[in-house]
C-alpha atoms as a PDB file:
ATOM      1  CA  MET A   1     259.378  39.101 161.678  1.00  0.00           C
ATOM      2  CA  ILE A   2     258.819  35.721 163.290  1.00  0.00           C
ATOM      3  CA  PRO A   3     255.314  34.978 164.582  1.00  0.00           C
ATOM      4  CA  ALA A   4     254.868  34.025 168.225  1.00  0.00           C
ATOM      5  CA  THR A   5     253.488  30.635 167.170  1.00  0.00           C
ATOM      6  CA  ALA A   6     256.706  29.648 165.335  1.00  0.00           C
ATOM      7  CA  GLU A   7     258.574  26.655 166.706  1.00  0.00           C
ATOM      8  CA  VAL A   8     262.354  26.842 166.836  1.00  0.00           C
ATOM      9  CA  GLY A   9     264.880  24.055 167.177  1.00  0.00           C
ATOM     10  CA  ARG A  10     263.153  21.228 165.330  1.00  0.00           C
ATOM     11  CA  ARG A  11     265.720  18.963 163.732  1.00  0.00           C
ATOM     12  CA  LEU A  12     265.041  17.570 160.271  1.00  0.00           C
ATOM     13  CA  VAL A  13     266.583  14.347 158.954  1.00  0.00           C
ATOM     14  CA  TRP A  14     267.440  12.910 155.526  1.00  0.00           C
ATOM     15  CA  ALA A  15     266.129   9.651 154.091  1.00  0.00           C
ATOM     16  CA  GLU A  16     266.321   7.849 150.765  1.00  0.00           C
ATOM     17  CA  VAL A  17     263.082   7.117 148.911  1.00  0.00           C
ATOM     18  CA  VAL A  18     262.756   3.339 148.341  1.00  0.00           C
ATOM     19  CA  ALA A  19     259.151   3.292 147.052  1.00  0.00           C
ATOM     20  CA  THR A  20     256.339   5.707 146.189  1.00  0.00           C
ATOM     21  CA  GLY A  21     252.608   5.562 145.722  1.00  0.00           C
ATOM     22  CA  PRO A  22     250.981   5.872 142.288  1.00  0.00           C
ATOM     23  CA  ASN A  23     250.133   9.596 142.562  1.00  0.00           C
ATOM     24  CA  VAL A  24     253.406  11.031 143.927  1.00  0.00           C
ATOM     25  CA  ARG A  25     254.625  13.909 141.736  1.00  0.00           C
ATOM     26  CA  THR A  26     257.425  15.569 143.726  1.00  0.00           C
ATOM     27  CA  PHE A  27     260.063  12.858 144.087  1.00  0.00           C
ATOM     28  CA  ALA A  28     261.058   9.420 142.817  1.00  0.00           C
ATOM     29  CA  VAL A  29     262.743   6.262 144.062  1.00  0.00           C
ATOM     30  CA  GLY A  30     266.385   7.008 144.862  1.00  0.00           C
ATOM     31  CA  ASP A  31     265.834  10.684 145.795  1.00  0.00           C
ATOM     32  CA  ARG A  32     267.037  11.966 149.175  1.00  0.00           C
ATOM     33  CA  VAL A  33     264.300  13.797 151.076  1.00  0.00           C
ATOM     34  CA  LEU A  34     264.324  15.992 154.167  1.00  0.00           C
ATOM     35  CA  TYR A  35     261.563  15.416 156.722  1.00  0.00           C
ATOM     36  CA  GLU A  36     260.733  15.952 160.371  1.00  0.00           C
ATOM     37  CA  PRO A  37     261.006  12.717 162.395  1.00  0.00           C
ATOM     38  CA  GLU A  38     257.959  13.593 164.527  1.00  0.00           C
ATOM     39  CA  ASP A  39     255.665  13.669 161.443  1.00  0.00           C
ATOM     40  CA  ARG A  40     256.053  10.069 160.376  1.00  0.00           C
ATOM     41  CA  GLY A  41     254.827   6.558 160.730  1.00  0.00           C
ATOM     42  CA  GLU A  42     257.047   3.507 160.789  1.00  0.00           C
ATOM     43  CA  VAL A  43     256.518  -0.067 159.637  1.00  0.00           C
ATOM     44  CA  GLU A  44     258.749  -3.143 159.756  1.00  0.00           C
ATOM     45  CA  LEU A  45     258.808  -5.484 156.768  1.00  0.00           C
ATOM     46  CA  ARG A  46     260.984  -8.594 156.675  1.00  0.00           C
ATOM     47  CA  GLY A  47     263.142  -7.300 159.511  1.00  0.00           C
ATOM     48  CA  ARG A  48     263.762  -3.807 158.049  1.00  0.00           C
ATOM     49  CA  ALA A  49     262.201  -0.617 159.391  1.00  0.00           C
ATOM     50  CA  TYR A  50     260.693   1.816 156.872  1.00  0.00           C
ATOM     51  CA  VAL A  51     259.421   5.360 157.417  1.00  0.00           C
ATOM     52  CA  LEU A  52     256.041   6.220 155.907  1.00  0.00           C
ATOM     53  CA  LEU A  53     255.591   9.832 154.801  1.00  0.00           C
ATOM     54  CA  ARG A  54     252.894  11.771 153.057  1.00  0.00           C
ATOM     55  CA  GLU A  55     254.105  13.857 150.130  1.00  0.00           C
ATOM     56  CA  ARG A  56     253.163  17.035 151.992  1.00  0.00           C
ATOM     57  CA  ASP A  57     255.400  16.053 154.950  1.00  0.00           C
ATOM     58  CA  VAL A  58     258.562  16.251 152.832  1.00  0.00           C
ATOM     59  CA  HIS A  59     260.305  19.586 153.389  1.00  0.00           C
ATOM     60  CA  ALA A  60     262.858  19.335 150.548  1.00  0.00           C
ATOM     61  CA  VAL A  61     264.412  17.007 147.990  1.00  0.00           C
ATOM     62  CA  ALA A  62     268.172  17.020 147.364  1.00  0.00           C
ATOM     63  CA  ALA A  63     269.074  17.912 143.797  1.00  0.00           C
ATOM     64  CA  ALA A  64     271.156  15.447 141.797  1.00  0.00           C
ATOM     65  CA  SER A  65     273.762  18.118 141.050  1.00  0.00           C
ATOM     66  CA  VAL A  66     274.321  21.624 142.374  1.00  0.00           C
ATOM     67  CA  SER A  67     275.228  24.724 140.375  1.00  0.00           C
ATOM     68  CA  ASP A  68     277.050  27.699 141.909  1.00  0.00           C
ATOM     69  CA  ASP A  69     273.858  29.753 142.262  1.00  0.00           C
ATOM     70  CA  SER A  70     271.747  26.999 143.870  1.00  0.00           C
ATOM     71  CA  THR A  71     271.233  25.606 147.355  1.00  0.00           C
ATOM     72  CA  GLY A  72     270.877  22.073 146.019  1.00  0.00           C
ATOM     73  CA  LEU A  73     267.371  21.709 147.443  1.00  0.00           C
ATOM     74  CA  TYR A  74     264.007  21.910 145.731  1.00  0.00           C
ATOM     75  CA  LEU A  75     260.378  21.107 146.416  1.00  0.00           C
END
């Protein structure tokens, strides 16, 4: 059953983590994370654009290796 308030068709995108804050527990530098582009901030430093995300805005983290019984994603 899908509630009437559910939104369909939102596209998520992948990004590589290049830095984290001191209290981040879910992912580390070098991880690939899945997030929604609408839920982000952006900053430019030395001519490069970076996406700023809160830990709770990350939908999934790609696993380093995938076994046969796994999707390859975790939170």
